[in-house]
C-alpha atoms as a PDB file:
ATOM      1  CA  MET A   1       0.000   0.000   0.000  1.00  0.00           C
ATOM      2  CA  SER A   2       1.422   3.409  -0.933  1.00  0.00           C
ATOM      3  CA  GLU A   3       1.944   6.249   1.533  1.00  0.00           C
ATOM      4  CA  ARG A   4      -0.815   8.202  -0.219  1.00  0.00           C
ATOM      5  CA  SER A   5      -3.256   5.302   0.259  1.00  0.00           C
ATOM      6  CA  LEU A   6      -2.281   4.936   3.914  1.00  0.00           C
ATOM      7  CA  VAL A   7      -2.866   8.621   4.578  1.00  0.00           C
ATOM      8  CA  ALA A   8      -6.210   8.570   2.745  1.00  0.00           C
ATOM      9  CA  THR A   9      -7.273   5.508   4.741  1.00  0.00           C
ATOM     10  CA  SER A  10      -6.153   7.090   8.022  1.00  0.00           C
ATOM     11  CA  LEU A  11      -8.154  10.237   7.293  1.00  0.00           C
ATOM     12  CA  ARG A  12     -11.223   8.212   6.387  1.00  0.00           C
ATOM     13  CA  LEU A  13     -10.884   6.118   9.567  1.00  0.00           C
ATOM     14  CA  LEU A  14     -10.853   9.346  11.550  1.00  0.00           C
ATOM     15  CA  GLY A  15     -14.127  10.283   9.877  1.00  0.00           C
ATOM     16  CA  VAL A  16     -13.114  12.645   7.097  1.00  0.00           C
ATOM     17  CA  GLU A  17     -15.796  12.784   4.447  1.00  0.00           C
ATOM     18  CA  ASP A  18     -14.224  12.755   0.986  1.00  0.00           C
ATOM     19  CA  VAL A  19     -16.034  15.292  -1.173  1.00  0.00           C
ATOM     20  CA  PRO A  20     -15.552  16.164  -4.845  1.00  0.00           C
ATOM     21  CA  ALA A  21     -13.405  19.212  -5.503  1.00  0.00           C
ATOM     22  CA  GLY A  22     -12.553  21.550  -8.287  1.00  0.00           C
ATOM     23  CA  LYS A  23     -15.226  22.136 -10.894  1.00  0.00           C
ATOM     24  CA  HIS A  24     -18.221  21.830  -8.597  1.00  0.00           C
ATOM     25  CA  ALA A  25     -18.409  25.198  -6.838  1.00  0.00           C
ATOM     26  CA  ARG A  26     -21.323  24.112  -4.670  1.00  0.00           C
ATOM     27  CA  ALA A  27     -19.467  21.071  -3.325  1.00  0.00           C
ATOM     28  CA  HIS A  28     -16.357  23.194  -2.878  1.00  0.00           C
ATOM     29  CA  HIS A  29     -18.302  25.803  -0.879  1.00  0.00           C
ATOM     30  CA  GLU A  30     -20.148  23.120   1.069  1.00  0.00           C
ATOM     31  CA  TYR A  31     -17.025  21.321   2.332  1.00  0.00           C
ATOM     32  CA  ARG A  32     -15.608  24.591   3.665  1.00  0.00           C
ATOM     33  CA  ARG A  33     -18.574  24.888   6.010  1.00  0.00           C
ATOM     34  CA  ARG A  34     -18.541  21.362   7.445  1.00  0.00           C
ATOM     35  CA  VAL A  35     -15.984  20.013   9.844  1.00  0.00           C
ATOM     36  CA  GLY A  36     -14.623  16.808   8.360  1.00  0.00           C
ATOM     37  CA  ALA A  37     -15.592  17.327   4.725  1.00  0.00           C
ATOM     38  CA  VAL A  38     -12.373  17.470   2.714  1.00  0.00           C
ATOM     39  CA  PRO A  39     -11.518  16.614  -0.900  1.00  0.00           C
ATOM     40  CA  VAL A  40      -9.042  13.897   0.195  1.00  0.00           C
ATOM     41  CA  THR A  41      -8.259  12.494  -3.248  1.00  0.00           C
ATOM     42  CA  GLN A  42      -7.494  15.923  -4.681  1.00  0.00           C
ATOM     43  CA  LEU A  43      -5.646  16.971  -1.527  1.00  0.00           C
ATOM     44  CA  LEU A  44      -3.131  14.138  -1.751  1.00  0.00           C
ATOM     45  CA  ARG A  45      -2.429  14.657  -5.472  1.00  0.00           C
ATOM     46  CA  ARG A  46      -2.487  18.445  -5.880  1.00  0.00           C
ATOM     47  CA  PRO A  47      -2.893  20.000  -2.452  1.00  0.00           C
ATOM     48  CA  THR A  48      -4.413  23.419  -2.050  1.00  0.00           C
ATOM     49  CA  SER A  49      -3.908  25.558   1.000  1.00  0.00           C
ATOM     50  CA  GLU A  50      -7.625  25.563   1.768  1.00  0.00           C
ATOM     51  CA  ALA A  51      -8.013  21.770   1.558  1.00  0.00           C
ATOM     52  CA  LEU A  52      -4.852  21.109   3.611  1.00  0.00           C
ATOM     53  CA  CYS A  53      -6.002  23.526   6.312  1.00  0.00           C
ATOM     54  CA  ALA A  54      -9.425  21.820   6.393  1.00  0.00           C
ATOM     55  CA  ALA A  55      -7.792  18.382   6.815  1.00  0.00           C
ATOM     56  CA  VAL A  56      -5.363  19.571   9.511  1.00  0.00           C
ATOM     57  CA  HIS A  57      -8.209  21.377  11.298  1.00  0.00           C
ATOM     58  CA  PHE A  58     -10.263  18.184  11.253  1.00  0.00           C
ATOM     59  CA  CYS A  59      -7.387  16.100  12.654  1.00  0.00           C
ATOM     60  CA  LEU A  60      -6.810  18.602  15.459  1.00  0.00           C
ATOM     61  CA  TRP A  61     -10.552  18.694  16.127  1.00  0.00           C
ATOM     62  CA  ARG A  62     -10.551  14.881  16.488  1.00  0.00           C
ATOM     63  CA  LEU A  63      -7.536  15.157  18.784  1.00  0.00           C
ATOM     64  CA  ASP A  64      -9.214  17.670  21.132  1.00  0.00           C
ATOM     65  CA  ALA A  65     -12.633  18.938  20.078  1.00  0.00           C
ATOM     66  CA  ARG A  66     -13.060  21.342  22.990  1.00  0.00           C
ATOM     67  CA  ARG A  67      -9.686  22.993  22.410  1.00  0.00           C
ATOM     68  CA  ALA A  68     -10.272  23.161  18.629  1.00  0.00           C
ATOM     69  CA  GLN A  69     -13.648  24.792  19.100  1.00  0.00           C
ATOM     70  CA  THR A  70     -12.146  27.419  21.412  1.00  0.00           C
ATOM     71  CA  THR A  71      -8.974  27.962  19.377  1.00  0.00           C
ATOM     72  CA  PHE A  72     -10.607  28.258  15.965  1.00  0.00           C
ATOM     73  CA  ARG A  73     -13.941  29.831  16.919  1.00  0.00           C
ATOM     74  CA  HIS A  74     -13.185  33.150  15.194  1.00  0.00           C
ATOM     75  CA  CYS A  75     -11.480  31.850  12.057  1.00  0.00           C
ATOM     76  CA  TYR A  76     -13.020  28.516  10.991  1.00  0.00           C
ATOM     77  CA  PRO A  77     -14.427  28.264   8.450  1.00  0.00           C
ATOM     78  CA  PRO A  78     -12.480  31.206   7.043  1.00  0.00           C
ATOM     79  CA  GLN A  79     -14.820  33.864   5.701  1.00  0.00           C
ATOM     80  CA  ALA A  80     -12.212  36.501   4.856  1.00  0.00           C
ATOM     81  CA  PRO A  81      -8.479  36.611   4.021  1.00  0.00           C
ATOM     82  CA  ALA A  82      -7.737  37.744   7.585  1.00  0.00           C
ATOM     83  CA  HIS A  83      -9.501  34.641   8.945  1.00  0.00           C
ATOM     84  CA  SER A  84      -7.489  32.440   6.601  1.00  0.00           C
ATOM     85  CA  ARG A  85      -4.191  33.941   7.799  1.00  0.00           C
ATOM     86  CA  GLU A  86      -5.222  33.586  11.434  1.00  0.00           C
ATOM     87  CA  LEU A  87      -6.315  29.976  10.858  1.00  0.00           C
ATOM     88  CA  LYS A  88      -2.960  29.050   9.302  1.00  0.00           C
ATOM     89  CA  GLN A  89      -1.047  30.658  12.168  1.00  0.00           C
ATOM     90  CA  LEU A  90      -3.141  28.852  14.787  1.00  0.00           C
ATOM     91  CA  LEU A  91      -2.863  25.500  12.984  1.00  0.00           C
ATOM     92  CA  ALA A  92       0.920  25.891  12.692  1.00  0.00           C
ATOM     93  CA  ALA A  93       1.229  26.861  16.376  1.00  0.00           C
ATOM     94  CA  TRP A  94      -0.672  23.729  17.461  1.00  0.00           C
ATOM     95  CA  LEU A  95       1.384  21.522  15.128  1.00  0.00           C
ATOM     96  CA  GLN A  96       4.619  23.042  16.467  1.00  0.00           C
ATOM     97  CA  GLU A  97       3.420  22.320  19.995  1.00  0.00           C
ATOM     98  CA  LEU A  98       2.873  18.673  19.046  1.00  0.00           C
ATOM     99  CA  GLU A  99       6.399  18.556  17.597  1.00  0.00           C
ATOM    100  CA  ARG A 100       7.891  20.278  20.645  1.00  0.00           C
ATOM    101  CA  ASP A 101       6.166  17.792  22.968  1.00  0.00           C
ATOM    102  CA  ALA A 102       7.476  14.924  20.781  1.00  0.00           C
ATOM    103  CA  ARG A 103       3.974  13.671  20.007  1.00  0.00           C
ATOM    104  CA  ILE A 104       4.709  13.916  16.296  1.00  0.00           C
ATOM    105  CA  PRO A 105       8.196  13.684  14.754  1.00  0.00           C
ATOM    106  CA  ARG A 106       9.953  16.838  13.601  1.00  0.00           C
ATOM    107  CA  ARG A 107       9.857  16.740   9.827  1.00  0.00           C
ATOM    108  CA  GLY A 108       9.702  20.412   8.952  1.00  0.00           C
ATOM    109  CA  CYS A 109       6.013  20.346   8.073  1.00  0.00           C
ATOM    110  CA  ALA A 110       4.607  22.330  10.994  1.00  0.00           C
ATOM    111  CA  ALA A 111       5.432  25.705   9.446  1.00  0.00           C
ATOM    112  CA  VAL A 112       2.921  28.267   8.246  1.00  0.00           C
ATOM    113  CA  SER A 113       4.657  28.183   4.844  1.00  0.00           C
ATOM    114  CA  VAL A 114       3.588  24.546   4.331  1.00  0.00           C
ATOM    115  CA  LEU A 115      -0.036  25.509   4.983  1.00  0.00           C
ATOM    116  CA  VAL A 116       0.206  28.535   2.666  1.00  0.00           C
ATOM    117  CA  SER A 117       1.914  26.803  -0.287  1.00  0.00           C
ATOM    118  CA  PRO A 118       1.716  23.037   0.196  1.00  0.00           C
ATOM    119  CA  THR A 119       3.675  20.706  -2.051  1.00  0.00           C
ATOM    120  CA  PRO A 120       2.397  17.142  -2.498  1.00  0.00           C
ATOM    121  CA  ALA A 121       5.384  15.730  -0.572  1.00  0.00           C
ATOM    122  CA  LYS A 122       5.059  18.130   2.388  1.00  0.00           C
ATOM    123  CA  ALA A 123       1.269  17.721   2.552  1.00  0.00           C
ATOM    124  CA  LEU A 124       1.624  13.929   2.509  1.00  0.00           C
ATOM    125  CA  THR A 125       4.283  14.008   5.232  1.00  0.00           C
ATOM    126  CA  LEU A 126       2.280  16.383   7.411  1.00  0.00           C
ATOM    127  CA  LEU A 127      -0.999  14.501   7.061  1.00  0.00           C
ATOM    128  CA  GLY A 128       0.676  11.111   7.432  1.00  0.00           C
ATOM    129  CA  THR A 129       2.428  12.101  10.637  1.00  0.00           C
ATOM    130  CA  LEU A 130      -0.560  13.915  12.094  1.00  0.00           C
ATOM    131  CA  SER A 131      -3.200  11.338  11.145  1.00  0.00           C
ATOM    132  CA  ARG A 132      -1.165   8.456  12.624  1.00  0.00           C
ATOM    133  CA  HIS A 133      -0.814  10.324  15.916  1.00  0.00           C
ATOM    134  CA  VAL A 134      -4.490  11.250  16.011  1.00  0.00           C
ATOM    135  CA  LEU A 135      -5.558   7.678  15.154  1.00  0.00           C
ATOM    136  CA  ALA A 136      -3.489   6.359  18.069  1.00  0.00           C
ATOM    137  CA  VAL A 137      -5.010   8.900  20.480  1.00  0.00           C
ATOM    138  CA  VAL A 138      -8.570   8.296  19.262  1.00  0.00           C
ATOM    139  CA  ALA A 139      -8.137   4.480  19.379  1.00  0.00           C
ATOM    140  CA  GLU A 140      -6.970   4.684  22.983  1.00  0.00           C
ATOM    141  CA  ARG A 141      -9.600   7.223  24.055  1.00  0.00           C
ATOM    142  CA  GLU A 142     -12.603   5.702  22.297  1.00  0.00           C
ATOM    143  CA  CYS A 143     -11.748   1.999  22.103  1.00  0.00           C
ATOM    144  CA  GLY A 144      -9.176   1.407  24.834  1.00  0.00           C
ATOM    145  CA  ILE A 145      -6.602   0.220  22.277  1.00  0.00           C
ATOM    146  CA  VAL A 146      -3.087   1.126  23.364  1.00  0.00           C
ATOM    147  CA  GLU A 147      -0.207   1.105  20.897  1.00  0.00           C
ATOM    148  CA  SER A 148       2.737  -0.811  22.316  1.00  0.00           C
ATOM    149  CA  GLY A 149       5.765  -0.839  20.025  1.00  0.00           C
ATOM    150  CA  ALA A 150       4.805  -2.497  16.766  1.00  0.00           C
ATOM    151  CA  ALA A 151       1.580  -4.051  18.026  1.00  0.00           C
ATOM    152  CA  ALA A 152      -1.665  -2.731  19.441  1.00  0.00           C
ATOM    153  CA  VAL A 153      -2.782  -4.057  22.812  1.00  0.00           C
ATOM    154  CA  LEU A 154      -6.514  -4.610  23.073  1.00  0.00           C
ATOM    155  CA  PRO A 155      -8.299  -4.016  26.389  1.00  0.00           C
ATOM    156  CA  PRO A 156      -9.346  -7.093  28.379  1.00  0.00           C
ATOM    157  CA  ALA A 157     -12.752  -8.425  27.378  1.00  0.00           C
END
């Protein structure tokens, strides 16, 4: 399985709704308004700043919904260029905190510049790293599954 497929699967397991992108303005506008609606297929091939920010926002929301709601209350979904700038700064700050606390590896993807002008490689690295961390946290919190080295330890029945 390719890295792109793994990232797409991880995002879908977290609950991201894959929506069509590009030509369909209504679908494009609609996904901006819903948490968790992201054009995943398009994002992993030709990432746009808006789609990457929506995916990162969703992952952080799954990580800590209360904190995400408080942190992004004034800028998500972005309604103006100022909101978009603020959103990118807040997303990058949270990602840098995760790197600093060693919850995600330092790979140079937690910068505002990656969110502003994402390349396919940087977007894939960022979403791969972030989605794996969030999946592990959500699996432990919601299912009691704890990652232990290379294997997951299921809770006693």
